[in-house]
């Protein structure tokens, strides 16, 4: 029987992978890694633990995914994972949070799979910025788009993928009395933490997020 593991590689630092994830990566017969415009952050984070030579790239062009591309990736996995083998599907952060892996399952619900947890970027970013996300009596909201969120009833919020419409996002946060911090490439050597609005608006990075809180 073949088995597929979705392994969260965390926010970027190879030392933030869990011991379980490292063991799975080391024992894998084949590694499946996203290839988004030549960027392989998940693979880069796990590379020092990979022992197999079989690395299969899956294409996930940002903003261009459709049914045919998802089905193509499903078929690539099925063709390269053989009976008796262990396959590891690498995903940044955790597989349960805005992950391409969960989207793939819509097209192949019968995969024999398990998930190995990874540290999500917003948790690492909150620790870097020393901002509590959840405390007694306060709620926390996680989104990838601030539109549609009633900020009147939100105490703390993490907004992922803030490379677009940052001005609109900051306007809304400020209008509802939020303080905020911008974190780019959390845990990497290029990590950047900003609180100044003008400096934040100058940045354009997919690997970024904003954490907001009311005092």
N, C-alpha and C. Protein backbone atom coordinates (compact mmCIF):
# COMPACT_ATOMS: atom_id res chain seq x y z
N UNK A 1 0.85 -1.20 0.00
CA UNK A 1 0.00 0.00 0.00
C UNK A 1 0.88 1.25 0.00
N UNK A 2 0.51 2.22 -0.80
CA UNK A 2 1.26 3.47 -0.84
C UNK A 2 0.62 4.49 0.10
N UNK A 3 1.44 5.41 0.60
CA UNK A 3 0.95 6.38 1.58
C UNK A 3 1.51 7.75 1.25
N UNK A 4 0.65 8.76 1.30
CA UNK A 4 1.05 10.13 1.04
C UNK A 4 0.94 10.94 2.33
N UNK A 5 2.01 11.65 2.66
CA UNK A 5 2.01 12.52 3.83
C UNK A 5 2.12 13.98 3.38
N UNK A 6 1.22 14.80 3.87
CA UNK A 6 1.34 16.24 3.65
C UNK A 6 2.13 16.80 4.82
N UNK A 7 3.30 17.35 4.52
CA UNK A 7 4.20 17.81 5.57
C UNK A 7 4.32 19.33 5.53
N UNK A 8 3.90 19.97 6.62
CA UNK A 8 4.06 21.42 6.73
C UNK A 8 5.49 21.76 7.09
N UNK A 9 6.12 22.58 6.27
CA UNK A 9 7.53 22.91 6.50
C UNK A 9 7.70 24.19 7.32
N UNK A 10 6.60 24.78 7.78
CA UNK A 10 6.70 25.97 8.61
C UNK A 10 6.93 27.24 7.81
N UNK A 11 7.36 28.30 8.47
CA UNK A 11 7.47 29.62 7.82
C UNK A 11 8.72 29.83 6.98
N UNK A 12 9.70 28.93 7.08
CA UNK A 12 10.89 29.12 6.25
C UNK A 12 12.19 28.63 6.87
N UNK A 13 12.33 28.76 8.17
CA UNK A 13 13.55 28.35 8.85
C UNK A 13 13.56 26.82 8.97
N UNK A 14 14.58 26.14 8.42
CA UNK A 14 14.64 24.67 8.49
C UNK A 14 14.60 24.14 9.92
N UNK A 15 15.04 24.93 10.89
CA UNK A 15 15.04 24.48 12.27
C UNK A 15 13.65 24.48 12.90
N UNK A 16 12.67 25.04 12.20
CA UNK A 16 11.31 25.08 12.72
C UNK A 16 10.45 23.92 12.25
N UNK A 17 10.99 22.99 11.47
CA UNK A 17 10.26 21.78 11.14
C UNK A 17 10.16 20.90 12.39
N UNK A 18 9.05 20.21 12.54
CA UNK A 18 8.90 19.31 13.68
C UNK A 18 9.77 18.07 13.49
N UNK A 19 10.06 17.39 14.58
CA UNK A 19 10.84 16.15 14.50
C UNK A 19 10.11 15.12 13.66
N UNK A 20 8.79 15.04 13.81
CA UNK A 20 8.01 14.09 13.02
C UNK A 20 8.13 14.39 11.54
N UNK A 21 8.04 15.65 11.17
CA UNK A 21 8.15 16.03 9.76
C UNK A 21 9.52 15.68 9.21
N UNK A 22 10.56 15.93 9.98
CA UNK A 22 11.91 15.59 9.54
C UNK A 22 12.04 14.10 9.29
N UNK A 23 11.51 13.28 10.20
CA UNK A 23 11.57 11.83 10.04
C UNK A 23 10.84 11.38 8.78
N UNK A 24 9.69 11.98 8.50
CA UNK A 24 8.94 11.62 7.30
C UNK A 24 9.70 12.00 6.04
N UNK A 25 10.28 13.18 6.04
CA UNK A 25 11.05 13.63 4.88
C UNK A 25 12.24 12.72 4.64
N UNK A 26 12.92 12.33 5.71
CA UNK A 26 14.08 11.45 5.59
C UNK A 26 13.72 10.07 5.07
N UNK A 27 12.51 9.60 5.38
CA UNK A 27 12.10 8.25 4.98
C UNK A 27 11.35 8.22 3.66
N UNK A 28 11.11 9.36 3.05
CA UNK A 28 10.30 9.42 1.84
C UNK A 28 10.99 8.76 0.65
N UNK A 29 10.20 8.02 -0.14
CA UNK A 29 10.69 7.47 -1.41
C UNK A 29 10.63 8.53 -2.50
N UNK A 30 9.64 9.42 -2.40
CA UNK A 30 9.47 10.48 -3.39
C UNK A 30 8.96 11.73 -2.69
N UNK A 31 9.48 12.88 -3.11
CA UNK A 31 9.08 14.17 -2.57
C UNK A 31 8.32 14.94 -3.65
N UNK A 32 7.16 15.47 -3.26
CA UNK A 32 6.39 16.33 -4.16
C UNK A 32 6.50 17.76 -3.63
N UNK A 33 6.92 18.68 -4.49
CA UNK A 33 7.17 20.05 -4.04
C UNK A 33 6.52 21.04 -5.01
N UNK A 34 5.90 22.08 -4.49
CA UNK A 34 5.32 23.10 -5.36
C UNK A 34 6.39 23.90 -6.07
N UNK A 35 6.13 24.20 -7.32
CA UNK A 35 7.06 25.01 -8.12
C UNK A 35 6.28 26.20 -8.65
N UNK A 36 6.33 27.30 -7.91
CA UNK A 36 5.56 28.49 -8.25
C UNK A 36 6.50 29.55 -8.80
N UNK A 37 6.52 29.65 -10.11
CA UNK A 37 7.41 30.61 -10.77
C UNK A 37 8.87 30.40 -10.37
N UNK A 38 9.24 29.13 -10.22
CA UNK A 38 10.61 28.81 -9.88
C UNK A 38 10.95 28.95 -8.41
N UNK A 39 9.95 29.35 -7.58
CA UNK A 39 10.19 29.52 -6.15
C UNK A 39 9.79 28.22 -5.43
N UNK A 40 10.66 27.76 -4.56
CA UNK A 40 10.43 26.49 -3.87
C UNK A 40 10.73 26.64 -2.39
N UNK A 41 10.00 27.52 -1.71
CA UNK A 41 10.28 27.80 -0.32
C UNK A 41 10.12 26.56 0.55
N UNK A 42 9.07 25.78 0.31
CA UNK A 42 8.86 24.56 1.09
C UNK A 42 10.01 23.59 0.89
N UNK A 43 10.44 23.44 -0.37
CA UNK A 43 11.55 22.54 -0.67
C UNK A 43 12.85 23.05 -0.06
N UNK A 44 13.08 24.34 -0.16
CA UNK A 44 14.30 24.92 0.41
C UNK A 44 14.37 24.70 1.92
N UNK A 45 13.22 24.79 2.59
CA UNK A 45 13.19 24.61 4.03
C UNK A 45 13.51 23.17 4.43
N UNK A 46 13.13 22.23 3.55
CA UNK A 46 13.28 20.81 3.89
C UNK A 46 14.50 20.16 3.25
N UNK A 47 15.20 20.88 2.40
CA UNK A 47 16.21 20.25 1.54
C UNK A 47 17.28 19.49 2.31
N UNK A 48 17.72 20.00 3.44
CA UNK A 48 18.82 19.34 4.16
C UNK A 48 18.41 18.01 4.76
N UNK A 49 17.09 17.75 4.81
CA UNK A 49 16.60 16.49 5.38
C UNK A 49 16.23 15.46 4.31
N UNK A 50 16.25 15.85 3.05
CA UNK A 50 15.84 14.95 1.96
C UNK A 50 16.95 13.99 1.61
N UNK A 51 16.62 12.70 1.56
CA UNK A 51 17.60 11.68 1.23
C UNK A 51 17.34 11.02 -0.14
N UNK A 52 16.13 11.14 -0.63
CA UNK A 52 15.80 10.56 -1.92
C UNK A 52 16.20 11.49 -3.06
N UNK A 53 16.49 10.88 -4.22
CA UNK A 53 16.79 11.68 -5.42
C UNK A 53 15.53 11.99 -6.22
N UNK A 54 14.43 11.41 -5.82
CA UNK A 54 13.17 11.58 -6.58
C UNK A 54 12.39 12.77 -6.03
N UNK A 55 12.57 13.89 -6.68
CA UNK A 55 11.83 15.11 -6.34
C UNK A 55 10.98 15.49 -7.54
N UNK A 56 9.68 15.53 -7.32
CA UNK A 56 8.73 15.81 -8.40
C UNK A 56 8.10 17.17 -8.16
N UNK A 57 8.18 18.03 -9.15
CA UNK A 57 7.66 19.39 -9.03
C UNK A 57 6.22 19.49 -9.52
N UNK A 58 5.42 20.22 -8.78
CA UNK A 58 4.02 20.46 -9.14
C UNK A 58 3.83 21.95 -9.38
N UNK A 59 3.14 22.28 -10.45
CA UNK A 59 2.97 23.69 -10.82
C UNK A 59 1.69 24.26 -10.21
N UNK A 60 1.86 25.39 -9.53
CA UNK A 60 0.73 26.11 -8.95
C UNK A 60 0.87 27.60 -9.27
N UNK A 61 0.67 27.99 -10.52
CA UNK A 61 0.82 29.42 -10.87
C UNK A 61 -0.19 30.28 -10.14
N UNK A 62 0.30 31.30 -9.44
CA UNK A 62 -0.55 32.16 -8.63
C UNK A 62 -1.61 32.86 -9.47
N UNK A 63 -2.85 32.72 -9.03
CA UNK A 63 -3.95 33.39 -9.70
C UNK A 63 -4.38 32.74 -10.99
N UNK A 64 -3.78 31.60 -11.34
CA UNK A 64 -4.10 30.96 -12.62
C UNK A 64 -4.53 29.50 -12.46
N UNK A 65 -4.72 29.06 -11.23
CA UNK A 65 -5.11 27.67 -11.02
C UNK A 65 -6.54 27.43 -11.48
N UNK A 66 -6.76 26.26 -12.05
CA UNK A 66 -8.09 25.85 -12.50
C UNK A 66 -8.23 24.34 -12.34
N UNK A 67 -9.40 23.82 -12.69
CA UNK A 67 -9.66 22.39 -12.52
C UNK A 67 -8.65 21.53 -13.26
N UNK A 68 -8.31 21.92 -14.47
CA UNK A 68 -7.39 21.11 -15.28
C UNK A 68 -6.01 21.02 -14.65
N UNK A 69 -5.52 22.13 -14.08
CA UNK A 69 -4.20 22.13 -13.46
C UNK A 69 -4.19 21.29 -12.18
N UNK A 70 -5.26 21.38 -11.40
CA UNK A 70 -5.34 20.56 -10.20
C UNK A 70 -5.38 19.07 -10.56
N UNK A 71 -6.18 18.73 -11.57
CA UNK A 71 -6.27 17.32 -11.99
C UNK A 71 -4.93 16.84 -12.55
N UNK A 72 -4.22 17.73 -13.25
CA UNK A 72 -2.90 17.37 -13.77
C UNK A 72 -1.96 17.02 -12.63
N UNK A 73 -1.96 17.84 -11.56
CA UNK A 73 -1.09 17.58 -10.42
C UNK A 73 -1.48 16.29 -9.70
N UNK A 74 -2.78 16.02 -9.60
CA UNK A 74 -3.23 14.76 -9.00
C UNK A 74 -2.68 13.58 -9.77
N UNK A 75 -2.75 13.65 -11.09
CA UNK A 75 -2.26 12.55 -11.93
C UNK A 75 -0.74 12.39 -11.81
N UNK A 76 -0.03 13.50 -11.67
CA UNK A 76 1.43 13.44 -11.49
C UNK A 76 1.76 12.70 -10.20
N UNK A 77 1.03 13.02 -9.13
CA UNK A 77 1.27 12.33 -7.85
C UNK A 77 0.98 10.84 -7.99
N UNK A 78 -0.15 10.51 -8.59
CA UNK A 78 -0.54 9.11 -8.73
C UNK A 78 0.45 8.34 -9.60
N UNK A 79 0.98 8.97 -10.62
CA UNK A 79 1.93 8.30 -11.52
C UNK A 79 3.29 8.08 -10.88
N UNK A 80 3.65 8.91 -9.89
CA UNK A 80 4.99 8.85 -9.31
C UNK A 80 5.05 8.22 -7.92
N UNK A 81 3.90 7.89 -7.36
CA UNK A 81 3.85 7.24 -6.05
C UNK A 81 3.39 5.81 -6.25
N UNK A 82 4.29 4.85 -6.06
CA UNK A 82 4.02 3.46 -6.37
C UNK A 82 3.67 2.66 -5.13
N UNK A 83 3.12 1.46 -5.34
CA UNK A 83 2.73 0.60 -4.22
C UNK A 83 3.91 0.35 -3.29
N UNK A 84 3.65 0.42 -2.00
CA UNK A 84 4.69 0.17 -1.01
C UNK A 84 5.58 1.36 -0.72
N UNK A 85 5.30 2.49 -1.36
CA UNK A 85 6.16 3.66 -1.19
C UNK A 85 5.52 4.71 -0.28
N UNK A 86 6.40 5.55 0.26
CA UNK A 86 5.97 6.70 1.05
C UNK A 86 6.26 7.96 0.25
N UNK A 87 5.22 8.76 0.04
CA UNK A 87 5.38 10.04 -0.63
C UNK A 87 5.18 11.18 0.35
N UNK A 88 5.96 12.23 0.20
CA UNK A 88 5.81 13.41 1.05
C UNK A 88 5.52 14.62 0.18
N UNK A 89 4.41 15.26 0.47
CA UNK A 89 3.98 16.47 -0.22
C UNK A 89 4.34 17.65 0.69
N UNK A 90 5.26 18.47 0.24
CA UNK A 90 5.73 19.59 1.05
C UNK A 90 4.85 20.82 0.84
N UNK A 91 4.51 21.47 1.92
CA UNK A 91 3.75 22.71 1.83
C UNK A 91 4.24 23.68 2.90
N UNK A 92 4.38 24.94 2.56
CA UNK A 92 4.81 25.92 3.55
C UNK A 92 3.75 26.05 4.64
N UNK A 93 4.19 26.46 5.82
CA UNK A 93 3.26 26.59 6.93
C UNK A 93 2.70 25.25 7.35
N UNK A 94 1.38 25.17 7.41
CA UNK A 94 0.67 23.95 7.78
C UNK A 94 -0.31 23.60 6.68
N UNK A 95 -0.47 22.30 6.43
CA UNK A 95 -1.30 21.85 5.30
C UNK A 95 -2.77 22.20 5.45
N UNK A 96 -3.21 22.50 6.67
CA UNK A 96 -4.63 22.79 6.88
C UNK A 96 -4.96 24.27 6.72
N UNK A 97 -3.97 25.11 6.44
CA UNK A 97 -4.20 26.56 6.39
C UNK A 97 -3.83 27.10 5.01
N UNK A 98 -4.85 27.43 4.22
CA UNK A 98 -4.67 27.99 2.87
C UNK A 98 -3.65 27.18 2.06
N UNK A 99 -3.83 25.88 2.04
CA UNK A 99 -2.85 24.99 1.43
C UNK A 99 -3.32 24.43 0.10
N UNK A 100 -2.41 24.34 -0.85
CA UNK A 100 -2.72 23.70 -2.14
C UNK A 100 -3.05 22.23 -1.96
N UNK A 101 -2.51 21.61 -0.92
CA UNK A 101 -2.77 20.19 -0.70
C UNK A 101 -4.26 19.95 -0.48
N UNK A 102 -4.90 20.76 0.34
CA UNK A 102 -6.32 20.58 0.60
C UNK A 102 -7.15 20.78 -0.67
N UNK A 103 -6.69 21.67 -1.55
CA UNK A 103 -7.40 21.86 -2.82
C UNK A 103 -7.27 20.62 -3.70
N UNK A 104 -6.11 19.99 -3.66
CA UNK A 104 -5.89 18.78 -4.46
C UNK A 104 -6.83 17.66 -4.03
N UNK A 105 -7.12 17.58 -2.73
CA UNK A 105 -7.97 16.50 -2.23
C UNK A 105 -9.38 16.56 -2.81
N UNK A 106 -9.79 17.72 -3.26
CA UNK A 106 -11.12 17.83 -3.88
C UNK A 106 -11.20 16.97 -5.15
N UNK A 107 -10.04 16.78 -5.78
CA UNK A 107 -10.01 16.07 -7.05
C UNK A 107 -9.58 14.61 -6.89
N UNK A 108 -9.13 14.24 -5.70
CA UNK A 108 -8.77 12.85 -5.42
C UNK A 108 -9.01 12.57 -3.93
N UNK A 109 -10.30 12.47 -3.55
CA UNK A 109 -10.63 12.29 -2.14
C UNK A 109 -10.22 10.94 -1.58
N UNK A 110 -9.84 9.99 -2.44
CA UNK A 110 -9.50 8.64 -1.99
C UNK A 110 -8.02 8.46 -1.70
N UNK A 111 -7.24 9.55 -1.73
CA UNK A 111 -5.83 9.44 -1.37
C UNK A 111 -5.71 8.86 0.05
N UNK A 112 -4.79 7.91 0.23
CA UNK A 112 -4.45 7.42 1.56
C UNK A 112 -3.39 8.37 2.11
N UNK A 113 -3.80 9.28 2.97
CA UNK A 113 -2.89 10.34 3.38
C UNK A 113 -2.98 10.64 4.87
N UNK A 114 -1.92 11.26 5.39
CA UNK A 114 -1.90 11.82 6.73
C UNK A 114 -1.23 13.19 6.65
N UNK A 115 -1.45 14.00 7.69
CA UNK A 115 -0.86 15.35 7.72
C UNK A 115 0.08 15.47 8.91
N UNK A 116 1.27 15.98 8.66
CA UNK A 116 2.22 16.29 9.72
C UNK A 116 2.23 17.81 9.90
N UNK A 117 1.89 18.26 11.08
CA UNK A 117 1.68 19.68 11.32
C UNK A 117 2.94 20.51 11.11
N UNK A 118 2.73 21.74 10.66
CA UNK A 118 3.81 22.70 10.53
C UNK A 118 3.46 23.98 11.27
N UNK A 119 4.44 24.78 11.57
CA UNK A 119 4.21 26.05 12.27
C UNK A 119 3.73 27.08 11.25
N UNK A 120 2.51 27.59 11.40
CA UNK A 120 2.00 28.59 10.45
C UNK A 120 2.78 29.90 10.56
N UNK A 121 2.83 30.62 9.46
CA UNK A 121 3.60 31.87 9.43
C UNK A 121 3.08 32.89 10.43
N UNK A 122 1.76 32.93 10.63
CA UNK A 122 1.23 33.97 11.52
C UNK A 122 1.59 33.71 12.99
N UNK A 123 1.78 32.44 13.34
CA UNK A 123 2.23 32.15 14.71
C UNK A 123 3.68 32.57 14.92
N UNK A 124 4.53 32.23 13.96
CA UNK A 124 5.92 32.64 14.06
C UNK A 124 6.04 34.16 14.02
N UNK A 125 5.24 34.80 13.16
CA UNK A 125 5.29 36.26 13.05
C UNK A 125 4.86 36.93 14.36
N UNK A 126 3.83 36.38 14.99
CA UNK A 126 3.37 36.94 16.26
C UNK A 126 4.45 36.82 17.33
N UNK A 127 5.15 35.69 17.32
CA UNK A 127 6.23 35.50 18.29
C UNK A 127 7.38 36.47 18.03
N UNK A 128 7.70 36.67 16.75
CA UNK A 128 8.76 37.61 16.39
C UNK A 128 8.41 39.02 16.85
N UNK A 129 7.15 39.41 16.61
CA UNK A 129 6.70 40.77 16.95
C UNK A 129 6.30 40.91 18.42
N UNK A 130 6.30 39.77 19.14
CA UNK A 130 5.91 39.76 20.56
C UNK A 130 4.50 40.30 20.77
N UNK A 131 3.59 39.84 19.88
CA UNK A 131 2.19 40.24 19.94
C UNK A 131 1.34 39.01 20.28
N UNK A 132 0.58 39.04 21.38
CA UNK A 132 -0.29 37.90 21.70
C UNK A 132 -1.49 37.84 20.75
N UNK A 133 -1.74 36.66 20.21
CA UNK A 133 -2.87 36.51 19.30
C UNK A 133 -4.17 36.18 20.03
N UNK A 134 -4.07 35.44 21.12
CA UNK A 134 -5.27 35.05 21.85
C UNK A 134 -5.00 35.13 23.34
N UNK A 135 -5.84 35.88 24.02
CA UNK A 135 -5.77 35.97 25.47
C UNK A 135 -7.19 35.83 26.02
N UNK A 136 -7.30 35.64 27.29
CA UNK A 136 -8.60 35.39 27.92
C UNK A 136 -9.62 36.48 27.56
N UNK A 137 -10.76 36.04 27.03
CA UNK A 137 -11.84 36.97 26.72
C UNK A 137 -11.70 37.71 25.41
N UNK A 138 -10.61 37.46 24.67
CA UNK A 138 -10.39 38.14 23.40
C UNK A 138 -10.45 37.13 22.25
N UNK A 139 -11.05 37.53 21.12
CA UNK A 139 -11.13 36.64 19.98
C UNK A 139 -10.03 36.94 18.98
N UNK A 140 -9.78 35.97 18.11
CA UNK A 140 -8.74 36.08 17.09
C UNK A 140 -9.32 35.64 15.75
N UNK A 141 -9.02 36.42 14.70
CA UNK A 141 -9.52 36.13 13.36
C UNK A 141 -8.36 35.99 12.39
N UNK A 142 -8.42 34.95 11.56
CA UNK A 142 -7.41 34.71 10.52
C UNK A 142 -8.08 34.81 9.16
N UNK A 143 -7.52 35.67 8.28
CA UNK A 143 -8.10 35.85 6.95
C UNK A 143 -6.98 36.06 5.93
N UNK A 144 -7.33 35.91 4.66
CA UNK A 144 -6.39 36.28 3.60
C UNK A 144 -6.92 37.47 2.80
N UNK A 145 -8.04 38.04 3.28
CA UNK A 145 -8.61 39.24 2.66
C UNK A 145 -9.48 39.92 3.72
N UNK A 146 -9.20 41.17 3.98
CA UNK A 146 -9.90 41.86 5.07
C UNK A 146 -11.33 42.25 4.69
N UNK A 147 -11.62 42.29 3.40
CA UNK A 147 -12.98 42.63 2.97
C UNK A 147 -13.96 41.58 3.50
N UNK A 148 -15.10 42.03 3.95
CA UNK A 148 -16.10 41.11 4.46
C UNK A 148 -15.95 40.81 5.94
N UNK A 149 -14.88 41.31 6.57
CA UNK A 149 -14.68 41.10 8.00
C UNK A 149 -15.24 42.29 8.77
N UNK A 150 -16.12 42.02 9.70
CA UNK A 150 -16.68 43.08 10.54
C UNK A 150 -15.71 43.33 11.69
N UNK A 151 -14.84 44.31 11.51
CA UNK A 151 -13.78 44.57 12.48
C UNK A 151 -14.29 45.10 13.81
N UNK A 152 -15.54 45.52 13.85
CA UNK A 152 -16.11 46.00 15.11
C UNK A 152 -16.09 44.89 16.17
N UNK A 153 -16.22 43.64 15.70
CA UNK A 153 -16.32 42.51 16.63
C UNK A 153 -15.04 41.67 16.67
N UNK A 154 -13.94 42.22 16.15
CA UNK A 154 -12.67 41.51 16.13
C UNK A 154 -11.70 42.17 17.11
N UNK A 155 -11.04 41.36 17.94
CA UNK A 155 -10.05 41.89 18.89
C UNK A 155 -8.64 41.83 18.33
N UNK A 156 -8.27 40.67 17.75
CA UNK A 156 -6.95 40.49 17.13
C UNK A 156 -7.17 39.84 15.77
N UNK A 157 -6.31 40.18 14.82
CA UNK A 157 -6.47 39.66 13.48
C UNK A 157 -5.11 39.45 12.82
N UNK A 158 -5.01 38.39 12.03
CA UNK A 158 -3.84 38.17 11.19
C UNK A 158 -4.33 38.11 9.75
N UNK A 159 -3.74 38.94 8.91
CA UNK A 159 -4.14 39.02 7.50
C UNK A 159 -2.98 38.53 6.65
N UNK A 160 -3.17 37.41 5.98
CA UNK A 160 -2.11 36.81 5.17
C UNK A 160 -2.13 37.37 3.75
N UNK A 161 -1.04 37.15 3.04
CA UNK A 161 -0.93 37.52 1.62
C UNK A 161 -1.22 39.01 1.40
N UNK A 162 -0.52 39.85 2.12
CA UNK A 162 -0.79 41.29 2.09
C UNK A 162 0.04 42.02 1.04
N UNK A 163 0.39 41.34 -0.04
CA UNK A 163 1.20 41.99 -1.07
C UNK A 163 0.34 42.90 -1.95
N UNK A 164 -0.98 42.83 -1.81
CA UNK A 164 -1.87 43.70 -2.58
C UNK A 164 -2.79 44.49 -1.63
N UNK A 165 -3.19 45.67 -2.07
CA UNK A 165 -4.20 46.47 -1.35
C UNK A 165 -3.84 46.75 0.11
N UNK A 166 -2.55 46.95 0.39
CA UNK A 166 -2.16 47.22 1.77
C UNK A 166 -2.75 48.54 2.28
N UNK A 167 -2.83 49.54 1.41
CA UNK A 167 -3.37 50.83 1.83
C UNK A 167 -4.81 50.68 2.31
N UNK A 168 -5.59 49.92 1.56
CA UNK A 168 -6.99 49.67 1.93
C UNK A 168 -7.05 48.91 3.26
N UNK A 169 -6.19 47.92 3.41
CA UNK A 169 -6.16 47.13 4.65
C UNK A 169 -5.82 48.00 5.85
N UNK A 170 -4.79 48.83 5.72
CA UNK A 170 -4.39 49.69 6.84
C UNK A 170 -5.46 50.74 7.14
N UNK A 171 -6.10 51.25 6.11
CA UNK A 171 -7.19 52.22 6.32
C UNK A 171 -8.28 51.62 7.19
N UNK A 172 -8.65 50.39 6.89
CA UNK A 172 -9.72 49.74 7.64
C UNK A 172 -9.28 49.46 9.09
N UNK A 173 -8.05 49.00 9.25
CA UNK A 173 -7.57 48.74 10.61
C UNK A 173 -7.54 50.03 11.43
N UNK A 174 -7.02 51.09 10.85
CA UNK A 174 -6.93 52.36 11.57
C UNK A 174 -8.31 52.91 11.91
N UNK A 175 -9.26 52.74 10.99
CA UNK A 175 -10.61 53.25 11.22
C UNK A 175 -11.30 52.56 12.39
N UNK A 176 -10.85 51.35 12.72
CA UNK A 176 -11.46 50.60 13.82
C UNK A 176 -10.56 50.54 15.04
N UNK A 177 -9.56 51.42 15.10
CA UNK A 177 -8.75 51.54 16.30
C UNK A 177 -7.71 50.47 16.51
N UNK A 178 -7.27 49.83 15.43
CA UNK A 178 -6.25 48.78 15.55
C UNK A 178 -4.84 49.38 15.49
N UNK A 179 -3.95 48.83 16.29
CA UNK A 179 -2.53 48.98 16.05
C UNK A 179 -2.12 47.79 15.18
N UNK A 180 -0.98 47.89 14.49
CA UNK A 180 -0.62 46.80 13.60
C UNK A 180 0.89 46.71 13.41
N UNK A 181 1.30 45.53 12.94
CA UNK A 181 2.69 45.29 12.60
C UNK A 181 2.73 44.46 11.32
N UNK A 182 3.67 44.78 10.48
CA UNK A 182 3.86 44.08 9.20
C UNK A 182 5.10 43.20 9.32
N UNK A 183 4.96 41.92 8.95
CA UNK A 183 6.09 40.99 9.00
C UNK A 183 6.27 40.35 7.64
N UNK A 184 7.47 40.41 7.14
CA UNK A 184 7.80 39.86 5.82
C UNK A 184 8.83 38.75 5.97
N UNK A 185 8.56 37.62 5.31
CA UNK A 185 9.47 36.47 5.32
C UNK A 185 9.90 36.10 6.74
N UNK A 186 8.90 35.87 7.58
CA UNK A 186 9.16 35.52 8.98
C UNK A 186 10.08 34.32 9.10
N UNK A 187 11.08 34.41 9.94
CA UNK A 187 12.05 33.37 10.30
C UNK A 187 13.16 33.18 9.28
N UNK A 188 13.11 33.89 8.15
CA UNK A 188 14.16 33.74 7.13
C UNK A 188 15.26 34.79 7.37
N UNK A 189 16.34 34.67 6.62
CA UNK A 189 17.43 35.65 6.76
C UNK A 189 17.01 37.01 6.23
N UNK A 190 15.91 37.05 5.45
CA UNK A 190 15.40 38.32 4.92
C UNK A 190 14.24 38.86 5.74
N UNK A 191 14.04 38.34 6.93
CA UNK A 191 12.93 38.76 7.78
C UNK A 191 12.91 40.27 7.98
N UNK A 192 11.72 40.84 7.92
CA UNK A 192 11.55 42.28 8.07
C UNK A 192 10.31 42.55 8.91
N UNK A 193 10.45 43.42 9.90
CA UNK A 193 9.34 43.79 10.77
C UNK A 193 9.18 45.31 10.72
N UNK A 194 7.98 45.77 10.37
CA UNK A 194 7.73 47.21 10.23
C UNK A 194 6.44 47.61 10.94
N UNK A 195 6.43 48.81 11.49
CA UNK A 195 5.22 49.35 12.09
C UNK A 195 4.84 50.71 11.48
N UNK A 196 5.75 51.31 10.73
CA UNK A 196 5.49 52.61 10.12
C UNK A 196 4.67 52.42 8.84
N UNK A 197 3.55 53.11 8.74
CA UNK A 197 2.65 52.94 7.61
C UNK A 197 3.34 53.18 6.27
N UNK A 198 4.06 54.27 6.13
CA UNK A 198 4.69 54.60 4.85
C UNK A 198 5.70 53.53 4.43
N UNK A 199 6.45 53.01 5.39
CA UNK A 199 7.42 51.97 5.09
C UNK A 199 6.72 50.68 4.68
N UNK A 200 5.62 50.39 5.33
CA UNK A 200 4.86 49.18 5.00
C UNK A 200 4.33 49.26 3.57
N UNK A 201 3.82 50.42 3.19
CA UNK A 201 3.23 50.57 1.87
C UNK A 201 4.26 50.48 0.75
N UNK A 202 5.51 50.65 1.07
CA UNK A 202 6.57 50.54 0.06
C UNK A 202 6.91 49.09 -0.28
N UNK A 203 6.52 48.16 0.59
CA UNK A 203 6.92 46.77 0.43
C UNK A 203 5.92 45.99 -0.43
N UNK A 204 6.45 45.10 -1.26
CA UNK A 204 5.62 44.21 -2.08
C UNK A 204 6.22 42.81 -1.96
N UNK A 205 5.60 41.97 -1.17
CA UNK A 205 6.09 40.61 -0.98
C UNK A 205 4.92 39.68 -0.74
N UNK A 206 4.88 38.57 -1.47
CA UNK A 206 3.83 37.57 -1.25
C UNK A 206 3.95 36.96 0.13
N UNK A 207 5.18 36.75 0.57
CA UNK A 207 5.42 36.13 1.88
C UNK A 207 5.39 37.19 2.98
N UNK A 208 4.24 37.78 3.16
CA UNK A 208 4.09 38.83 4.16
C UNK A 208 2.72 38.73 4.81
N UNK A 209 2.61 39.34 5.98
CA UNK A 209 1.33 39.36 6.67
C UNK A 209 1.28 40.56 7.60
N UNK A 210 0.07 40.87 8.02
CA UNK A 210 -0.13 41.97 8.96
C UNK A 210 -0.90 41.43 10.16
N UNK A 211 -0.43 41.75 11.35
CA UNK A 211 -1.14 41.42 12.58
C UNK A 211 -1.67 42.71 13.19
N UNK A 212 -2.94 42.71 13.51
CA UNK A 212 -3.56 43.89 14.10
C UNK A 212 -4.22 43.56 15.43
N UNK A 213 -4.26 44.53 16.33
CA UNK A 213 -4.86 44.32 17.64
C UNK A 213 -5.40 45.63 18.18
N UNK A 214 -6.46 45.50 18.98
CA UNK A 214 -7.01 46.63 19.69
C UNK A 214 -6.48 46.59 21.13
N UNK A 215 -6.11 47.74 21.63
CA UNK A 215 -5.61 47.78 23.01
C UNK A 215 -6.77 47.96 23.98
